[in-house]
Amino acid sequence: MGPFPVQPSGLVSIPFRYLVGWLGSRWDRRLRPVASRENRRLYEESEARLLAAAE
């Protein structure tokens, strides 16, 4: 065993997994506004029907 308490593969895979997770979280944020706009448009189309049924 070397001077570190982890295997050499861990020295590469752990930072790599962290980087991939961070990139995934950034990618998800880019897609959210598109989905949010689409959801808002769908809600606005059905809002009148939803409110009329509540009376």
PDB file of N, CA and C in Angstrom:
ATOM      1  N   MET A   1       0.852  -1.173   0.000  1.00  0.00           N
ATOM      2  CA  MET A   1       0.000   0.000   0.000  1.00  0.00           C
ATOM      3  C   MET A   1       0.897   1.235   0.000  1.00  0.00           C
ATOM      4  N   GLY A   2       0.459   2.254  -0.691  1.00  0.00           N
ATOM      5  CA  GLY A   2       1.242   3.475  -0.816  1.00  0.00           C
ATOM      6  C   GLY A   2       1.023   4.419   0.349  1.00  0.00           C
ATOM      7  N   PRO A   3       1.364   5.653   0.163  1.00  0.00           N
ATOM      8  CA  PRO A   3       1.230   6.635   1.246  1.00  0.00           C
ATOM      9  C   PRO A   3      -0.217   7.057   1.505  1.00  0.00           C
ATOM     10  N   PHE A   4      -1.144   6.686   0.628  1.00  0.00           N
ATOM     11  CA  PHE A   4      -2.546   7.059   0.797  1.00  0.00           C
ATOM     12  C   PHE A   4      -3.358   5.846   1.234  1.00  0.00           C
ATOM     13  N   PRO A   5      -4.393   6.023   2.047  1.00  0.00           N
ATOM     14  CA  PRO A   5      -5.174   4.890   2.534  1.00  0.00           C
ATOM     15  C   PRO A   5      -6.196   4.350   1.525  1.00  0.00           C
ATOM     16  N   VAL A   6      -6.241   4.889   0.316  1.00  0.00           N
ATOM     17  CA  VAL A   6      -7.181   4.397  -0.700  1.00  0.00           C
ATOM     18  C   VAL A   6      -6.399   3.783  -1.853  1.00  0.00           C
ATOM     19  N   GLN A   7      -7.066   2.950  -2.605  1.00  0.00           N
ATOM     20  CA  GLN A   7      -6.444   2.337  -3.768  1.00  0.00           C
ATOM     21  C   GLN A   7      -6.221   3.411  -4.840  1.00  0.00           C
ATOM     22  N   PRO A   8      -5.228   3.249  -5.693  1.00  0.00           N
ATOM     23  CA  PRO A   8      -4.989   4.255  -6.750  1.00  0.00           C
ATOM     24  C   PRO A   8      -6.200   4.479  -7.656  1.00  0.00           C
ATOM     25  N   SER A   9      -7.008   3.441  -7.878  1.00  0.00           N
ATOM     26  CA  SER A   9      -8.190   3.641  -8.720  1.00  0.00           C
ATOM     27  C   SER A   9      -9.159   4.628  -8.065  1.00  0.00           C
ATOM     28  N   GLY A  10      -9.189   4.663  -6.732  1.00  0.00           N
ATOM     29  CA  GLY A  10     -10.044   5.610  -6.031  1.00  0.00           C
ATOM     30  C   GLY A  10      -9.582   7.041  -6.201  1.00  0.00           C
ATOM     31  N   LEU A  11      -8.286   7.214  -6.387  1.00  0.00           N
ATOM     32  CA  LEU A  11      -7.766   8.559  -6.590  1.00  0.00           C
ATOM     33  C   LEU A  11      -8.269   9.162  -7.887  1.00  0.00           C
ATOM     34  N   VAL A  12      -8.607   8.330  -8.827  1.00  0.00           N
ATOM     35  CA  VAL A  12      -9.109   8.806 -10.114  1.00  0.00           C
ATOM     36  C   VAL A  12     -10.634   8.778 -10.141  1.00  0.00           C
ATOM     37  N   SER A  13     -11.230   7.668  -9.696  1.00  0.00           N
ATOM     38  CA  SER A  13     -12.673   7.501  -9.852  1.00  0.00           C
ATOM     39  C   SER A  13     -13.482   8.433  -8.948  1.00  0.00           C
ATOM     40  N   ILE A  14     -13.020   8.702  -7.745  1.00  0.00           N
ATOM     41  CA  ILE A  14     -13.794   9.556  -6.842  1.00  0.00           C
ATOM     42  C   ILE A  14     -13.892  10.983  -7.369  1.00  0.00           C
ATOM     43  N   PRO A  15     -12.785  11.642  -7.752  1.00  0.00           N
ATOM     44  CA  PRO A  15     -12.936  12.987  -8.339  1.00  0.00           C
ATOM     45  C   PRO A  15     -13.705  12.971  -9.665  1.00  0.00           C
ATOM     46  N   PHE A  16     -13.546  11.895 -10.440  1.00  0.00           N
ATOM     47  CA  PHE A  16     -14.271  11.794 -11.708  1.00  0.00           C
ATOM     48  C   PHE A  16     -15.769  11.733 -11.458  1.00  0.00           C
ATOM     49  N   ARG A  17     -16.191  10.939 -10.484  1.00  0.00           N
ATOM     50  CA  ARG A  17     -17.628  10.836 -10.175  1.00  0.00           C
ATOM     51  C   ARG A  17     -18.169  12.167  -9.652  1.00  0.00           C
ATOM     52  N   TYR A  18     -17.378  12.856  -8.858  1.00  0.00           N
ATOM     53  CA  TYR A  18     -17.791  14.170  -8.363  1.00  0.00           C
ATOM     54  C   TYR A  18     -17.985  15.129  -9.532  1.00  0.00           C
ATOM     55  N   LEU A  19     -17.041  15.134 -10.468  1.00  0.00           N
ATOM     56  CA  LEU A  19     -17.127  16.019 -11.624  1.00  0.00           C
ATOM     57  C   LEU A  19     -18.353  15.685 -12.479  1.00  0.00           C
ATOM     58  N   VAL A  20     -18.607  14.411 -12.706  1.00  0.00           N
ATOM     59  CA  VAL A  20     -19.768  14.003 -13.505  1.00  0.00           C
ATOM     60  C   VAL A  20     -21.059  14.410 -12.798  1.00  0.00           C
ATOM     61  N   GLY A  21     -21.125  14.243 -11.488  1.00  0.00           N
ATOM     62  CA  GLY A  21     -22.312  14.666 -10.747  1.00  0.00           C
ATOM     63  C   GLY A  21     -22.533  16.163 -10.819  1.00  0.00           C
ATOM     64  N   TRP A  22     -21.453  16.921 -10.715  1.00  0.00           N
ATOM     65  CA  TRP A  22     -21.563  18.374 -10.793  1.00  0.00           C
ATOM     66  C   TRP A  22     -22.030  18.804 -12.193  1.00  0.00           C
ATOM     67  N   LEU A  23     -21.441  18.196 -13.219  1.00  0.00           N
ATOM     68  CA  LEU A  23     -21.866  18.527 -14.587  1.00  0.00           C
ATOM     69  C   LEU A  23     -23.327  18.155 -14.816  1.00  0.00           C
ATOM     70  N   GLY A  24     -23.755  17.034 -14.263  1.00  0.00           N
ATOM     71  CA  GLY A  24     -25.160  16.629 -14.389  1.00  0.00           C
ATOM     72  C   GLY A  24     -26.100  17.621 -13.741  1.00  0.00           C
ATOM     73  N   SER A  25     -25.714  18.169 -12.601  1.00  0.00           N
ATOM     74  CA  SER A  25     -26.572  19.149 -11.947  1.00  0.00           C
ATOM     75  C   SER A  25     -26.630  20.443 -12.753  1.00  0.00           C
ATOM     76  N   ARG A  26     -25.545  20.814 -13.386  1.00  0.00           N
ATOM     77  CA  ARG A  26     -25.537  22.010 -14.236  1.00  0.00           C
ATOM     78  C   ARG A  26     -26.384  21.797 -15.489  1.00  0.00           C
ATOM     79  N   TRP A  27     -26.293  20.628 -16.080  1.00  0.00           N
ATOM     80  CA  TRP A  27     -27.056  20.322 -17.290  1.00  0.00           C
ATOM     81  C   TRP A  27     -28.545  20.357 -16.985  1.00  0.00           C
ATOM     82  N   ASP A  28     -28.950  19.823 -15.834  1.00  0.00           N
ATOM     83  CA  ASP A  28     -30.353  19.803 -15.450  1.00  0.00           C
ATOM     84  C   ASP A  28     -30.910  21.207 -15.314  1.00  0.00           C
ATOM     85  N   ARG A  29     -30.130  22.129 -14.793  1.00  0.00           N
ATOM     86  CA  ARG A  29     -30.604  23.512 -14.638  1.00  0.00           C
ATOM     87  C   ARG A  29     -30.853  24.166 -15.973  1.00  0.00           C
ATOM     88  N   ARG A  30     -30.115  23.779 -16.994  1.00  0.00           N
ATOM     89  CA  ARG A  30     -30.340  24.372 -18.322  1.00  0.00           C
ATOM     90  C   ARG A  30     -31.669  23.911 -18.899  1.00  0.00           C
ATOM     91  N   LEU A  31     -32.099  22.710 -18.576  1.00  0.00           N
ATOM     92  CA  LEU A  31     -33.333  22.181 -19.142  1.00  0.00           C
ATOM     93  C   LEU A  31     -34.571  22.631 -18.383  1.00  0.00           C
ATOM     94  N   ARG A  32     -34.429  23.034 -17.143  1.00  0.00           N
ATOM     95  CA  ARG A  32     -35.590  23.406 -16.335  1.00  0.00           C
ATOM     96  C   ARG A  32     -36.402  24.573 -16.884  1.00  0.00           C
ATOM     97  N   PRO A  33     -35.795  25.684 -17.345  1.00  0.00           N
ATOM     98  CA  PRO A  33     -36.622  26.788 -17.841  1.00  0.00           C
ATOM     99  C   PRO A  33     -37.511  26.389 -19.017  1.00  0.00           C
ATOM    100  N   VAL A  34     -37.037  25.526 -19.878  1.00  0.00           N
ATOM    101  CA  VAL A  34     -37.845  25.083 -21.016  1.00  0.00           C
ATOM    102  C   VAL A  34     -39.053  24.311 -20.512  1.00  0.00           C
ATOM    103  N   ALA A  35     -38.838  23.375 -19.594  1.00  0.00           N
ATOM    104  CA  ALA A  35     -39.943  22.594 -19.050  1.00  0.00           C
ATOM    105  C   ALA A  35     -40.888  23.489 -18.264  1.00  0.00           C
ATOM    106  N   SER A  36     -40.353  24.462 -17.548  1.00  0.00           N
ATOM    107  CA  SER A  36     -41.168  25.359 -16.753  1.00  0.00           C
ATOM    108  C   SER A  36     -42.072  26.215 -17.647  1.00  0.00           C
ATOM    109  N   ARG A  37     -41.526  26.715 -18.741  1.00  0.00           N
ATOM    110  CA  ARG A  37     -42.343  27.513 -19.668  1.00  0.00           C
ATOM    111  C   ARG A  37     -43.454  26.673 -20.282  1.00  0.00           C
ATOM    112  N   GLU A  38     -43.135  25.433 -20.629  1.00  0.00           N
ATOM    113  CA  GLU A  38     -44.132  24.542 -21.219  1.00  0.00           C
ATOM    114  C   GLU A  38     -45.230  24.226 -20.200  1.00  0.00           C
ATOM    115  N   ASN A  39     -44.850  23.954 -18.967  1.00  0.00           N
ATOM    116  CA  ASN A  39     -45.843  23.685 -17.924  1.00  0.00           C
ATOM    117  C   ASN A  39     -46.713  24.902 -17.673  1.00  0.00           C
ATOM    118  N   ARG A  40     -46.117  26.083 -17.673  1.00  0.00           N
ATOM    119  CA  ARG A  40     -46.883  27.311 -17.453  1.00  0.00           C
ATOM    120  C   ARG A  40     -47.890  27.531 -18.583  1.00  0.00           C
ATOM    121  N   ARG A  41     -47.458  27.281 -19.826  1.00  0.00           N
ATOM    122  CA  ARG A  41     -48.356  27.443 -20.966  1.00  0.00           C
ATOM    123  C   ARG A  41     -49.526  26.473 -20.867  1.00  0.00           C
ATOM    124  N   LEU A  42     -49.254  25.227 -20.510  1.00  0.00           N
ATOM    125  CA  LEU A  42     -50.323  24.240 -20.384  1.00  0.00           C
ATOM    126  C   LEU A  42     -51.291  24.614 -19.262  1.00  0.00           C
ATOM    127  N   TYR A  43     -50.767  25.132 -18.164  1.00  0.00           N
ATOM    128  CA  TYR A  43     -51.631  25.544 -17.061  1.00  0.00           C
ATOM    129  C   TYR A  43     -52.518  26.711 -17.477  1.00  0.00           C
ATOM    130  N   GLU A  44     -51.939  27.689 -18.146  1.00  0.00           N
ATOM    131  CA  GLU A  44     -52.726  28.855 -18.552  1.00  0.00           C
ATOM    132  C   GLU A  44     -53.827  28.468 -19.530  1.00  0.00           C
ATOM    133  N   GLU A  45     -53.569  27.478 -20.375  1.00  0.00           N
ATOM    134  CA  GLU A  45     -54.606  27.025 -21.299  1.00  0.00           C
ATOM    135  C   GLU A  45     -55.786  26.391 -20.564  1.00  0.00           C
ATOM    136  N   SER A  46     -55.526  25.697 -19.475  1.00  0.00           N
ATOM    137  CA  SER A  46     -56.596  24.991 -18.777  1.00  0.00           C
ATOM    138  C   SER A  46     -57.083  25.721 -17.532  1.00  0.00           C
ATOM    139  N   GLU A  47     -56.519  26.871 -17.204  1.00  0.00           N
ATOM    140  CA  GLU A  47     -56.869  27.571 -15.973  1.00  0.00           C
ATOM    141  C   GLU A  47     -58.343  27.966 -15.940  1.00  0.00           C
ATOM    142  N   ALA A  48     -58.878  28.473 -17.020  1.00  0.00           N
ATOM    143  CA  ALA A  48     -60.287  28.897 -17.039  1.00  0.00           C
ATOM    144  C   ALA A  48     -61.214  27.708 -16.774  1.00  0.00           C
ATOM    145  N   ARG A  49     -60.917  26.584 -17.376  1.00  0.00           N
ATOM    146  CA  ARG A  49     -61.753  25.396 -17.141  1.00  0.00           C
ATOM    147  C   ARG A  49     -61.647  24.922 -15.697  1.00  0.00           C
ATOM    148  N   LEU A  50     -60.450  24.991 -15.156  1.00  0.00           N
ATOM    149  CA  LEU A  50     -60.245  24.564 -13.767  1.00  0.00           C
ATOM    150  C   LEU A  50     -61.014  25.471 -12.804  1.00  0.00           C
ATOM    151  N   LEU A  51     -60.956  26.770 -13.036  1.00  0.00           N
ATOM    152  CA  LEU A  51     -61.645  27.709 -12.151  1.00  0.00           C
ATOM    153  C   LEU A  51     -63.162  27.632 -12.321  1.00  0.00           C
ATOM    154  N   ALA A  52     -63.659  27.390 -13.518  1.00  0.00           N
ATOM    155  CA  ALA A  52     -65.097  27.281 -13.753  1.00  0.00           C
ATOM    156  C   ALA A  52     -65.669  26.061 -13.056  1.00  0.00           C
ATOM    157  N   ALA A  53     -64.913  24.999 -12.995  1.00  0.00           N
ATOM    158  CA  ALA A  53     -65.388  23.776 -12.341  1.00  0.00           C
ATOM    159  C   ALA A  53     -65.397  23.921 -10.820  1.00  0.00           C
ATOM    160  N   ALA A  54     -64.666  24.890 -10.290  1.00  0.00           N
ATOM    161  CA  ALA A  54     -64.601  25.062  -8.845  1.00  0.00           C
ATOM    162  C   ALA A  54     -65.830  25.761  -8.289  1.00  0.00           C
ATOM    163  N   GLU A  55     -66.627  26.373  -9.129  1.00  0.00           N
ATOM    164  CA  GLU A  55     -67.806  27.109  -8.649  1.00  0.00           C
ATOM    165  C   GLU A  55     -68.934  26.213  -8.274  1.00  0.00           C
TER     166      GLU A  55
END
